[in-house]
Amino acid sequence: MQLKHIIFGYLLLIFHQGIAQFTSFSTDSSKFFDQSKDWLASANKSDAKKFMDEFEVQWYGGKFTDVQRMQVYKTANRIRSQKLKPYPDYKAYLTSISNFVKKEHPEGAFDEWHQSIDKLAAGNKKRFSDYLKMCSNLFAENIISNHPQRFGKQASLILSLSSKTIVHW
């Protein structure tokens, strides 16, 4: 019985140290990349490796300006602080930014899109999560949702990357 308590205490200590090592994302791009990979791997190791190998091309390929990287760090930390999940929420965000920079968009569109993220992140956690997934689909395949019942007639979404009204949900 005593051995069980010792083992449990040791495992609890290891678990607590793992969480304590990563409370927020770094603003160093290499550390940020590694932290992202580790957080995704904590939920799905095989997919995280495959996904991050693809994301690495965009992240280190000169596609992001310094200002955009700062927006990414801020949003990643917001996702983390709101206790959203690495899958599907954080992966949807990284997929969104990766697909966004792959395509030609007007100058300033990335900033305006992040304004919509900030607006939703300040509100309902579920809507924020849904929005991240919707953006992932939108930027990858130009579809709002790949689920037939999601975002149907009941949902009202206006996404405008060129006006002050960025999101109406």
C-alpha atoms as a PDB file:
ATOM      1  CA  MET A   1       0.000   0.000   0.000  1.00  0.00           C
ATOM      2  CA  GLN A   2       2.824   2.393   0.886  1.00  0.00           C
ATOM      3  CA  LEU A   3       4.495   1.658  -2.472  1.00  0.00           C
ATOM      4  CA  LYS A   4       1.318   2.685  -4.319  1.00  0.00           C
ATOM      5  CA  HIS A   5       1.359   6.062  -2.565  1.00  0.00           C
ATOM      6  CA  ILE A   6       5.014   6.610  -3.434  1.00  0.00           C
ATOM      7  CA  ILE A   7       4.429   5.711  -7.094  1.00  0.00           C
ATOM      8  CA  PHE A   8       1.326   7.889  -7.250  1.00  0.00           C
ATOM      9  CA  GLY A   9       3.213  10.825  -5.705  1.00  0.00           C
ATOM     10  CA  TYR A  10       6.093  10.378  -8.146  1.00  0.00           C
ATOM     11  CA  LEU A  11       3.740  10.283 -11.147  1.00  0.00           C
ATOM     12  CA  LEU A  12       1.888  13.335  -9.879  1.00  0.00           C
ATOM     13  CA  LEU A  13       5.181  15.204  -9.513  1.00  0.00           C
ATOM     14  CA  ILE A  14       6.247  14.291 -13.068  1.00  0.00           C
ATOM     15  CA  PHE A  15       2.854  15.303 -14.447  1.00  0.00           C
ATOM     16  CA  HIS A  16       2.944  18.621 -12.569  1.00  0.00           C
ATOM     17  CA  GLN A  17       6.468  19.404 -13.797  1.00  0.00           C
ATOM     18  CA  GLY A  18       5.394  18.712 -17.389  1.00  0.00           C
ATOM     19  CA  ILE A  19       2.555  21.203 -17.084  1.00  0.00           C
ATOM     20  CA  ALA A  20       4.713  23.777 -15.288  1.00  0.00           C
ATOM     21  CA  GLN A  21       7.310  23.734 -18.053  1.00  0.00           C
ATOM     22  CA  PHE A  22       4.772  25.023 -20.562  1.00  0.00           C
ATOM     23  CA  THR A  23       2.285  27.585 -19.375  1.00  0.00           C
ATOM     24  CA  SER A  24       2.517  29.926 -22.351  1.00  0.00           C
ATOM     25  CA  PHE A  25       4.013  29.950 -25.799  1.00  0.00           C
ATOM     26  CA  SER A  26       7.383  31.552 -26.338  1.00  0.00           C
ATOM     27  CA  THR A  27       7.855  34.491 -28.693  1.00  0.00           C
ATOM     28  CA  ASP A  28      10.972  32.838 -30.051  1.00  0.00           C
ATOM     29  CA  SER A  29       9.916  31.212 -33.328  1.00  0.00           C
ATOM     30  CA  SER A  30      11.955  28.021 -32.818  1.00  0.00           C
ATOM     31  CA  LYS A  31      10.750  27.531 -29.260  1.00  0.00           C
ATOM     32  CA  PHE A  32       7.194  28.334 -30.350  1.00  0.00           C
ATOM     33  CA  PHE A  33       7.409  25.697 -33.067  1.00  0.00           C
ATOM     34  CA  ASP A  34       8.736  23.080 -30.632  1.00  0.00           C
ATOM     35  CA  GLN A  35       6.091  23.932 -28.033  1.00  0.00           C
ATOM     36  CA  SER A  36       3.366  23.671 -30.669  1.00  0.00           C
ATOM     37  CA  LYS A  37       4.670  20.300 -31.779  1.00  0.00           C
ATOM     38  CA  ASP A  38       4.875  19.043 -28.192  1.00  0.00           C
ATOM     39  CA  TRP A  39       1.374  20.237 -27.298  1.00  0.00           C
ATOM     40  CA  LEU A  40      -0.151  18.629 -30.369  1.00  0.00           C
ATOM     41  CA  ALA A  41       1.864  15.445 -29.738  1.00  0.00           C
ATOM     42  CA  SER A  42       0.472  15.259 -26.208  1.00  0.00           C
ATOM     43  CA  ALA A  43      -2.911  14.566 -27.804  1.00  0.00           C
ATOM     44  CA  ASN A  44      -1.979  12.732 -31.021  1.00  0.00           C
ATOM     45  CA  LYS A  45       1.681  11.965 -31.559  1.00  0.00           C
ATOM     46  CA  SER A  46       1.521  10.512 -35.069  1.00  0.00           C
ATOM     47  CA  ASP A  47      -0.679  13.254 -36.520  1.00  0.00           C
ATOM     48  CA  ALA A  48       1.335  15.956 -34.752  1.00  0.00           C
ATOM     49  CA  LYS A  49       4.545  14.834 -36.418  1.00  0.00           C
ATOM     50  CA  LYS A  50       2.959  14.706 -39.863  1.00  0.00           C
ATOM     51  CA  PHE A  51       1.149  18.012 -39.439  1.00  0.00           C
ATOM     52  CA  MET A  52       4.114  19.887 -37.983  1.00  0.00           C
ATOM     53  CA  ASP A  53       6.373  18.625 -40.780  1.00  0.00           C
ATOM     54  CA  GLU A  54       3.959  20.303 -43.213  1.00  0.00           C
ATOM     55  CA  PHE A  55       3.515  23.407 -41.050  1.00  0.00           C
ATOM     56  CA  GLU A  56       7.282  23.803 -40.747  1.00  0.00           C
ATOM     57  CA  VAL A  57       7.504  24.704 -44.443  1.00  0.00           C
ATOM     58  CA  GLN A  58       5.161  27.657 -43.906  1.00  0.00           C
ATOM     59  CA  TRP A  59       6.508  28.701 -40.505  1.00  0.00           C
ATOM     60  CA  TYR A  60      10.162  28.821 -41.518  1.00  0.00           C
ATOM     61  CA  GLY A  61       9.588  29.594 -45.199  1.00  0.00           C
ATOM     62  CA  GLY A  62       9.503  33.381 -44.915  1.00  0.00           C
ATOM     63  CA  LYS A  63       5.714  33.566 -45.241  1.00  0.00           C
ATOM     64  CA  PHE A  64       5.093  35.315 -41.909  1.00  0.00           C
ATOM     65  CA  THR A  65       6.200  38.842 -41.070  1.00  0.00           C
ATOM     66  CA  ASP A  66       7.408  39.661 -37.560  1.00  0.00           C
ATOM     67  CA  VAL A  67       4.107  41.412 -36.841  1.00  0.00           C
ATOM     68  CA  GLN A  68       2.141  38.373 -38.011  1.00  0.00           C
ATOM     69  CA  ARG A  69       4.262  36.084 -35.846  1.00  0.00           C
ATOM     70  CA  MET A  70       3.465  38.246 -32.820  1.00  0.00           C
ATOM     71  CA  GLN A  71      -0.238  37.908 -33.630  1.00  0.00           C
ATOM     72  CA  VAL A  72       0.198  34.138 -33.872  1.00  0.00           C
ATOM     73  CA  TYR A  73       1.951  33.977 -30.480  1.00  0.00           C
ATOM     74  CA  LYS A  74      -0.798  36.100 -28.904  1.00  0.00           C
ATOM     75  CA  THR A  75      -3.573  33.935 -30.350  1.00  0.00           C
ATOM     76  CA  ALA A  76      -1.803  30.698 -29.439  1.00  0.00           C
ATOM     77  CA  ASN A  77      -1.524  31.929 -25.858  1.00  0.00           C
ATOM     78  CA  ARG A  78      -5.178  32.915 -25.862  1.00  0.00           C
ATOM     79  CA  ILE A  79      -6.124  29.414 -27.068  1.00  0.00           C
ATOM     80  CA  ARG A  80      -3.988  27.957 -24.310  1.00  0.00           C
ATOM     81  CA  SER A  81      -5.314  30.292 -21.592  1.00  0.00           C
ATOM     82  CA  GLN A  82      -8.912  29.530 -22.532  1.00  0.00           C
ATOM     83  CA  LYS A  83      -8.104  25.851 -22.115  1.00  0.00           C
ATOM     84  CA  LEU A  84      -9.070  24.952 -25.656  1.00  0.00           C
ATOM     85  CA  LYS A  85      -7.761  21.621 -26.805  1.00  0.00           C
ATOM     86  CA  PRO A  86      -4.752  20.888 -28.992  1.00  0.00           C
ATOM     87  CA  TYR A  87      -7.118  18.845 -31.173  1.00  0.00           C
ATOM     88  CA  PRO A  88      -9.185  20.117 -32.845  1.00  0.00           C
ATOM     89  CA  ASP A  89      -8.858  23.762 -31.735  1.00  0.00           C
ATOM     90  CA  TYR A  90      -5.133  24.529 -31.842  1.00  0.00           C
ATOM     91  CA  LYS A  91      -4.552  22.390 -34.896  1.00  0.00           C
ATOM     92  CA  ALA A  92      -7.424  24.208 -36.629  1.00  0.00           C
ATOM     93  CA  TYR A  93      -5.760  27.537 -35.855  1.00  0.00           C
ATOM     94  CA  LEU A  94      -2.354  26.425 -37.140  1.00  0.00           C
ATOM     95  CA  THR A  95      -3.998  24.922 -40.219  1.00  0.00           C
ATOM     96  CA  SER A  96      -5.814  28.209 -40.797  1.00  0.00           C
ATOM     97  CA  ILE A  97      -2.706  30.363 -40.628  1.00  0.00           C
ATOM     98  CA  SER A  98      -0.753  27.924 -42.754  1.00  0.00           C
ATOM     99  CA  ASN A  99      -3.413  27.861 -45.461  1.00  0.00           C
ATOM    100  CA  PHE A 100      -3.956  31.607 -45.192  1.00  0.00           C
ATOM    101  CA  VAL A 101      -0.344  32.416 -46.046  1.00  0.00           C
ATOM    102  CA  LYS A 102      -0.262  29.854 -48.860  1.00  0.00           C
ATOM    103  CA  LYS A 103      -2.872  31.843 -50.781  1.00  0.00           C
ATOM    104  CA  GLU A 104      -2.701  35.338 -52.159  1.00  0.00           C
ATOM    105  CA  HIS A 105      -4.597  37.781 -49.949  1.00  0.00           C
ATOM    106  CA  PRO A 106      -4.701  41.576 -49.982  1.00  0.00           C
ATOM    107  CA  GLU A 107      -2.206  43.326 -47.740  1.00  0.00           C
ATOM    108  CA  GLY A 108      -3.655  43.691 -44.273  1.00  0.00           C
ATOM    109  CA  ALA A 109      -6.040  40.739 -44.618  1.00  0.00           C
ATOM    110  CA  PHE A 110      -4.105  38.660 -42.063  1.00  0.00           C
ATOM    111  CA  ASP A 111      -4.398  41.505 -39.530  1.00  0.00           C
ATOM    112  CA  GLU A 112      -8.101  41.960 -40.223  1.00  0.00           C
ATOM    113  CA  TRP A 113      -8.740  38.234 -39.898  1.00  0.00           C
ATOM    114  CA  HIS A 114      -6.944  38.270 -36.541  1.00  0.00           C
ATOM    115  CA  GLN A 115      -9.203  41.110 -35.424  1.00  0.00           C
ATOM    116  CA  SER A 116     -12.117  38.732 -35.960  1.00  0.00           C
ATOM    117  CA  ILE A 117     -10.311  36.086 -33.916  1.00  0.00           C
ATOM    118  CA  ASP A 118      -9.683  38.562 -31.096  1.00  0.00           C
ATOM    119  CA  LYS A 119     -13.319  39.616 -31.128  1.00  0.00           C
ATOM    120  CA  LEU A 120     -14.600  36.042 -30.836  1.00  0.00           C
ATOM    121  CA  ALA A 121     -11.929  34.951 -28.377  1.00  0.00           C
ATOM    122  CA  ALA A 122     -13.105  37.640 -25.980  1.00  0.00           C
ATOM    123  CA  GLY A 123     -16.545  36.040 -25.888  1.00  0.00           C
ATOM    124  CA  ASN A 124     -17.986  32.573 -25.904  1.00  0.00           C
ATOM    125  CA  LYS A 125     -15.396  29.770 -25.804  1.00  0.00           C
ATOM    126  CA  LYS A 126     -17.532  27.396 -27.919  1.00  0.00           C
ATOM    127  CA  ARG A 127     -18.073  29.996 -30.632  1.00  0.00           C
ATOM    128  CA  PHE A 128     -14.361  30.728 -30.658  1.00  0.00           C
ATOM    129  CA  SER A 129     -13.618  27.016 -31.045  1.00  0.00           C
ATOM    130  CA  ASP A 130     -16.215  26.675 -33.821  1.00  0.00           C
ATOM    131  CA  TYR A 131     -14.802  29.729 -35.586  1.00  0.00           C
ATOM    132  CA  LEU A 132     -11.283  28.275 -35.567  1.00  0.00           C
ATOM    133  CA  LYS A 133     -12.586  25.071 -37.150  1.00  0.00           C
ATOM    134  CA  MET A 134     -14.651  27.018 -39.682  1.00  0.00           C
ATOM    135  CA  CYS A 135     -11.628  29.108 -40.685  1.00  0.00           C
ATOM    136  CA  SER A 136      -9.569  25.969 -41.106  1.00  0.00           C
ATOM    137  CA  ASN A 137     -12.123  24.612 -43.581  1.00  0.00           C
ATOM    138  CA  LEU A 138     -12.573  27.988 -45.255  1.00  0.00           C
ATOM    139  CA  PHE A 139      -8.891  28.596 -45.930  1.00  0.00           C
ATOM    140  CA  ALA A 140      -8.120  24.987 -46.850  1.00  0.00           C
ATOM    141  CA  GLU A 141     -11.041  24.175 -49.117  1.00  0.00           C
ATOM    142  CA  ASN A 142     -13.134  27.353 -49.420  1.00  0.00           C
ATOM    143  CA  ILE A 143     -15.964  25.742 -47.442  1.00  0.00           C
ATOM    144  CA  ILE A 144     -17.537  26.899 -44.207  1.00  0.00           C
ATOM    145  CA  SER A 145     -17.949  23.415 -42.752  1.00  0.00           C
ATOM    146  CA  ASN A 146     -17.344  19.851 -43.812  1.00  0.00           C
ATOM    147  CA  HIS A 147     -20.141  18.721 -41.480  1.00  0.00           C
ATOM    148  CA  PRO A 148     -23.558  18.811 -43.197  1.00  0.00           C
ATOM    149  CA  GLN A 149     -25.502  19.982 -40.120  1.00  0.00           C
ATOM    150  CA  ARG A 150     -23.030  22.609 -38.987  1.00  0.00           C
ATOM    151  CA  PHE A 151     -23.437  26.291 -39.860  1.00  0.00           C
ATOM    152  CA  GLY A 152     -26.787  25.700 -41.544  1.00  0.00           C
ATOM    153  CA  LYS A 153     -29.664  28.128 -41.961  1.00  0.00           C
ATOM    154  CA  GLN A 154     -29.705  28.895 -38.238  1.00  0.00           C
ATOM    155  CA  ALA A 155     -26.206  30.336 -38.227  1.00  0.00           C
ATOM    156  CA  SER A 156     -25.619  33.825 -39.406  1.00  0.00           C
ATOM    157  CA  LEU A 157     -22.023  34.445 -40.326  1.00  0.00           C
ATOM    158  CA  ILE A 158     -20.633  37.397 -42.131  1.00  0.00           C
ATOM    159  CA  LEU A 159     -16.903  37.228 -42.648  1.00  0.00           C
ATOM    160  CA  SER A 160     -15.546  40.258 -44.358  1.00  0.00           C
ATOM    161  CA  LEU A 161     -11.841  40.765 -44.573  1.00  0.00           C
ATOM    162  CA  SER A 162     -12.258  44.233 -45.999  1.00  0.00           C
ATOM    163  CA  SER A 163     -14.727  45.962 -43.686  1.00  0.00           C
ATOM    164  CA  LYS A 164     -14.944  47.022 -40.080  1.00  0.00           C
ATOM    165  CA  THR A 165     -17.700  44.477 -39.349  1.00  0.00           C
ATOM    166  CA  ILE A 166     -15.522  41.434 -39.333  1.00  0.00           C
ATOM    167  CA  VAL A 167     -17.751  38.875 -37.669  1.00  0.00           C
ATOM    168  CA  HIS A 168     -21.431  38.657 -37.011  1.00  0.00           C
ATOM    169  CA  TRP A 169     -22.354  35.353 -35.446  1.00  0.00           C
END
